[in-house]
């Protein structure tokens, strides 16, 4: 079941290891826009929510995103200021979300993004638009938040045992590990193996390298979120799929996989 102009199914999804709004993602973002039809008429919403705790995060990501999508030929780019629970219910911010075609979640703190959006009026609008065919793109924290579970980073930073926390569940079968080519620098191997062994039942961990995207190119059968769907690696490096224990399958750019 592919995407088409009538948009009867949920839209495409892009999960990025890093590289949002950079030239390395031009071909990926161009593909996402093409699934919507005419690029110039696409309405793109920038969501710097994950960086809401950073002093200059919102301005930085909105500026970078605006310049990037302008360069791709998009005319209507909406910069949001949804950075906490209050703004996720602000009528002025909600107006920016209505009738959009592509929602882009940049990086930052995945748990802050999840806590801000879960059950909010903003998320209700985004989820409904996605169900009608709008595209969702998430980078790093944004990708983690769209999956079924995310690493409980706050607990780990406080010295607790590693574990998983429920995410927004747009792609409920997957658990995203961004910056995967650098993960060994900030997560000990033993901790990582413990995390994988404790992965919630029915979930598949995908390690997405920096400047790399895992893009859903076909909707799940019948539009059922938990059904397998066809994904493609785009960008620069590789994606590791942990669906058979601690030894992953490695996928290169251009390869497709059913997940």
Protein backbone atom coordinates (compact mmCIF):
# COMPACT_ATOMS: atom_id res chain seq x y z
CA UNK A 1 0.00 0.00 0.00
CA UNK A 2 1.88 3.06 -1.23
CA UNK A 3 1.32 6.75 -0.68
CA UNK A 4 -0.57 8.73 -3.30
CA UNK A 5 -2.23 12.06 -3.93
CA UNK A 6 -5.58 10.94 -2.48
CA UNK A 7 -3.83 10.20 0.83
CA UNK A 8 -6.22 7.49 2.12
CA UNK A 9 -3.64 6.00 4.51
CA UNK A 10 -1.26 7.29 7.19
CA UNK A 11 1.59 9.31 5.73
CA UNK A 12 5.24 8.47 5.35
CA UNK A 13 7.55 8.47 8.37
CA UNK A 14 11.24 9.34 8.56
CA UNK A 15 13.37 8.41 11.57
CA UNK A 16 16.76 10.15 11.55
CA UNK A 17 19.86 9.30 13.54
CA UNK A 18 20.98 12.93 13.19
CA UNK A 19 21.28 15.58 10.48
CA UNK A 20 17.93 17.34 10.55
CA UNK A 21 17.75 20.33 8.20
CA UNK A 22 21.26 19.69 6.82
CA UNK A 23 22.26 19.19 3.18
CA UNK A 24 22.91 15.49 3.78
CA UNK A 25 19.14 15.07 4.29
CA UNK A 26 18.10 16.98 1.17
CA UNK A 27 17.31 13.83 -0.82
CA UNK A 28 15.43 12.30 2.13
CA UNK A 29 13.31 15.38 2.74
CA UNK A 30 12.72 15.79 -1.00
CA UNK A 31 11.36 12.25 -1.05
CA UNK A 32 9.03 13.02 1.85
CA UNK A 33 7.72 16.12 0.10
CA UNK A 34 7.22 14.22 -3.14
CA UNK A 35 4.92 11.74 -1.38
CA UNK A 36 2.62 14.70 -0.77
CA UNK A 37 2.40 15.80 -4.40
CA UNK A 38 3.33 19.37 -5.34
CA UNK A 39 6.31 20.45 -3.22
CA UNK A 40 5.62 24.18 -3.45
CA UNK A 41 2.13 23.81 -1.98
CA UNK A 42 3.20 21.59 0.93
CA UNK A 43 2.60 23.04 4.40
CA UNK A 44 5.50 22.19 6.70
CA UNK A 45 5.39 22.57 10.49
CA UNK A 46 8.63 22.83 12.47
CA UNK A 47 8.45 21.42 16.01
CA UNK A 48 11.51 22.26 18.17
CA UNK A 49 9.68 20.80 21.18
CA UNK A 50 12.48 18.44 22.24
CA UNK A 51 14.80 21.43 22.74
CA UNK A 52 12.26 23.32 24.84
CA UNK A 53 14.55 23.20 27.88
CA UNK A 54 17.42 24.82 25.95
CA UNK A 55 17.69 28.61 26.03
CA UNK A 56 18.26 29.09 22.30
CA UNK A 57 16.99 25.73 21.08
CA UNK A 58 13.69 26.85 19.62
CA UNK A 59 15.14 29.76 17.63
CA UNK A 60 18.06 27.69 16.37
CA UNK A 61 16.00 24.80 15.03
CA UNK A 62 13.26 27.00 13.60
CA UNK A 63 15.78 29.13 11.72
CA UNK A 64 17.65 26.11 10.40
CA UNK A 65 14.45 24.35 9.38
CA UNK A 66 13.03 27.39 7.63
CA UNK A 67 16.17 27.90 5.55
CA UNK A 68 16.35 24.20 4.70
CA UNK A 69 12.79 23.84 3.46
CA UNK A 70 12.88 27.15 1.63
CA UNK A 71 15.83 25.74 -0.27
CA UNK A 72 13.70 22.73 -1.20
CA UNK A 73 11.02 24.97 -2.69
CA UNK A 74 8.48 24.93 0.14
CA UNK A 75 6.53 28.18 0.38
CA UNK A 76 4.56 27.69 3.60
CA UNK A 77 6.76 26.90 6.59
CA UNK A 78 5.21 27.29 10.03
CA UNK A 79 7.58 27.82 12.96
CA UNK A 80 6.04 26.72 16.23
CA UNK A 81 6.85 27.56 19.84
CA UNK A 82 5.42 24.39 21.36
CA UNK A 83 8.02 23.78 24.05
CA UNK A 84 6.00 22.80 27.16
CA UNK A 85 2.57 21.59 28.27
CA UNK A 86 1.13 25.10 28.31
CA UNK A 87 2.16 25.90 24.75
CA UNK A 88 0.91 22.47 23.60
CA UNK A 89 -2.57 23.77 24.36
CA UNK A 90 -2.12 27.38 23.27
CA UNK A 91 -4.77 28.25 20.63
CA UNK A 92 -2.29 30.39 18.71
CA UNK A 93 0.13 27.47 18.46
CA UNK A 94 -2.62 24.97 17.68
CA UNK A 95 -3.70 27.08 14.72
CA UNK A 96 -0.27 26.49 13.17
CA UNK A 97 -0.82 22.73 13.29
CA UNK A 98 -4.14 22.53 11.47
CA UNK A 99 -4.21 21.33 7.85
CA UNK A 100 -0.45 20.81 7.62
CA UNK A 101 1.21 18.20 5.41
CA UNK A 102 4.54 17.51 7.14
CA UNK A 103 5.41 17.75 10.83
CA UNK A 104 9.12 17.77 11.64
CA UNK A 105 10.39 17.03 15.17
CA UNK A 106 13.99 18.15 15.69
CA UNK A 107 16.38 16.87 18.36
CA UNK A 108 16.88 17.48 22.06
CA UNK A 109 15.42 15.65 25.05
CA UNK A 110 13.11 12.78 24.02
CA UNK A 111 11.38 12.55 27.38
CA UNK A 112 10.61 16.28 27.37
CA UNK A 113 9.08 15.91 23.92
CA UNK A 114 6.97 12.96 25.03
CA UNK A 115 5.86 14.61 28.27
CA UNK A 116 4.95 17.81 26.43
CA UNK A 117 2.86 16.21 23.70
CA UNK A 118 1.31 13.06 25.15
CA UNK A 119 -2.44 13.63 25.57
CA UNK A 120 -2.19 17.29 24.56
CA UNK A 121 -4.41 19.18 22.10
CA UNK A 122 -1.35 19.63 19.90
CA UNK A 123 -0.76 15.90 19.67
CA UNK A 124 -4.42 15.23 18.92
CA UNK A 125 -4.17 17.50 15.86
CA UNK A 126 -0.88 16.00 14.69
CA UNK A 127 -2.03 12.40 15.15
CA UNK A 128 -5.27 13.06 13.27
CA UNK A 129 -3.40 14.73 10.40
CA UNK A 130 -0.99 11.81 10.20
CA UNK A 131 -3.88 9.34 10.05
CA UNK A 132 -5.22 11.28 7.06
CA UNK A 133 -1.87 11.16 5.23
CA UNK A 134 0.40 13.85 6.68
CA UNK A 135 4.10 13.00 6.93
CA UNK A 136 5.96 12.74 10.24
CA UNK A 137 9.72 13.20 10.48
CA UNK A 138 11.71 12.92 13.70
CA UNK A 139 15.41 13.35 14.25
CA UNK A 140 17.33 11.93 17.22
CA UNK A 141 15.03 12.72 20.16
CA UNK A 142 12.21 13.25 17.67
CA UNK A 143 12.73 9.77 16.24
CA UNK A 144 12.92 8.22 19.70
CA UNK A 145 9.65 9.85 20.71
CA UNK A 146 7.76 8.49 17.70
CA UNK A 147 8.65 4.89 18.53
CA UNK A 148 6.96 2.47 20.92
CA UNK A 149 9.42 2.94 23.77
CA UNK A 150 12.44 5.09 24.45
CA UNK A 151 15.47 4.67 26.69
CA UNK A 152 14.67 6.07 30.14
CA UNK A 153 17.56 8.53 29.98
CA UNK A 154 16.56 10.53 33.03
CA UNK A 155 16.55 7.42 35.22
CA UNK A 156 19.95 6.38 33.90
CA UNK A 157 21.44 9.83 34.47
CA UNK A 158 20.19 9.67 38.05
CA UNK A 159 22.09 6.42 38.56
CA UNK A 160 19.13 4.04 38.29
CA UNK A 161 19.18 0.80 36.34
CA UNK A 162 18.71 1.16 32.58
CA UNK A 163 15.21 0.68 31.32
CA UNK A 164 12.52 1.69 28.89
CA UNK A 165 9.77 4.30 29.05
CA UNK A 166 6.65 4.43 26.84
CA UNK A 167 6.96 6.83 23.90
CA UNK A 168 4.27 8.25 21.62
CA UNK A 169 3.83 4.95 19.78
CA UNK A 170 3.38 6.14 16.21
CA UNK A 171 5.58 3.23 15.11
CA UNK A 172 4.77 0.87 17.98
CA UNK A 173 6.89 -2.05 16.73
CA UNK A 174 10.15 -0.12 16.77
CA UNK A 175 12.52 1.31 19.36
CA UNK A 176 14.89 3.89 17.87
CA UNK A 177 18.54 4.24 18.91
CA UNK A 178 19.86 7.39 17.17
CA UNK A 179 23.51 8.42 16.76
CA UNK A 180 24.14 4.69 16.75
CA UNK A 181 27.65 4.87 15.30
CA UNK A 182 28.63 6.94 18.36
CA UNK A 183 26.53 5.16 20.97
CA UNK A 184 29.52 3.32 22.45
CA UNK A 185 30.88 6.70 23.55
CA UNK A 186 27.99 7.36 25.93
CA UNK A 187 26.45 3.95 26.75
CA UNK A 188 28.60 1.15 28.15
CA UNK A 189 28.46 -2.12 26.21
CA UNK A 190 27.21 -4.07 29.20
CA UNK A 191 24.47 -1.51 29.79
CA UNK A 192 23.51 -1.65 26.12
CA UNK A 193 23.26 -5.43 26.16
CA UNK A 194 21.13 -5.26 29.30
CA UNK A 195 18.83 -2.78 27.59
CA UNK A 196 18.40 -5.05 24.58
CA UNK A 197 17.74 -8.09 26.74
CA UNK A 198 15.05 -6.11 28.56
CA UNK A 199 13.40 -4.79 25.39
CA UNK A 200 9.59 -4.89 25.72
CA UNK A 201 8.04 -7.94 24.07
CA UNK A 202 7.18 -7.57 20.40
CA UNK A 203 9.55 -4.65 19.81
CA UNK A 204 12.54 -4.38 17.49
CA UNK A 205 15.47 -2.06 18.24
CA UNK A 206 16.88 -0.15 15.27
CA UNK A 207 20.21 1.64 15.57
CA UNK A 208 20.32 4.55 13.12
CA UNK A 209 23.72 6.08 12.42
CA UNK A 210 24.30 9.82 12.24
CA UNK A 211 23.31 11.53 8.98
CA UNK A 212 21.16 8.52 8.18
CA UNK A 213 17.41 7.98 7.98
CA UNK A 214 15.09 5.00 8.11
CA UNK A 215 12.09 5.96 5.98
CA UNK A 216 8.80 4.11 5.76
CA UNK A 217 8.08 3.91 2.06
CA UNK A 218 4.87 1.87 2.26
CA UNK A 219 2.12 2.10 4.84
CA UNK A 220 1.36 -0.95 7.01
CA UNK A 221 -1.15 -3.39 5.58
CA UNK A 222 -4.66 -2.12 6.21
CA UNK A 223 -3.26 0.97 7.89
CA UNK A 224 -2.78 -1.04 11.10
CA UNK A 225 0.10 0.60 13.06
CA UNK A 226 1.33 -2.67 14.55
CA UNK A 227 1.51 -4.45 11.18
CA UNK A 228 4.88 -4.77 9.41
CA UNK A 229 5.72 -2.05 6.90
CA UNK A 230 8.39 -1.53 4.27
CA UNK A 231 11.26 0.80 5.21
CA UNK A 232 14.28 2.10 3.28
CA UNK A 233 17.66 3.36 4.47
CA UNK A 234 18.51 6.84 3.18
CA UNK A 235 21.28 9.33 3.87
CA UNK A 236 24.92 8.44 4.46
CA UNK A 237 25.62 5.46 6.73
CA UNK A 238 23.88 2.33 8.03
CA UNK A 239 20.97 1.07 10.10
CA UNK A 240 21.35 -1.88 12.47
CA UNK A 241 18.28 -4.04 13.10
CA UNK A 242 18.24 -6.02 16.35
CA UNK A 243 15.50 -8.55 15.63
CA UNK A 244 17.51 -11.67 16.45
CA UNK A 245 19.27 -11.03 19.74
CA UNK A 246 22.47 -9.04 20.24
CA UNK A 247 23.81 -9.55 16.72
CA UNK A 248 22.16 -7.07 14.35
CA UNK A 249 21.48 -7.07 10.65
CA UNK A 250 23.31 -4.18 8.98
CA UNK A 251 21.50 -2.29 6.22
CA UNK A 252 23.18 0.10 3.82
CA UNK A 253 21.76 3.14 2.04
CA UNK A 254 19.19 2.08 -0.53
CA UNK A 255 18.32 -1.23 1.13
CA UNK A 256 14.72 -2.02 2.04
CA UNK A 257 13.54 -3.94 5.08
CA UNK A 258 10.17 -5.15 6.37
CA UNK A 259 9.73 -4.10 10.00
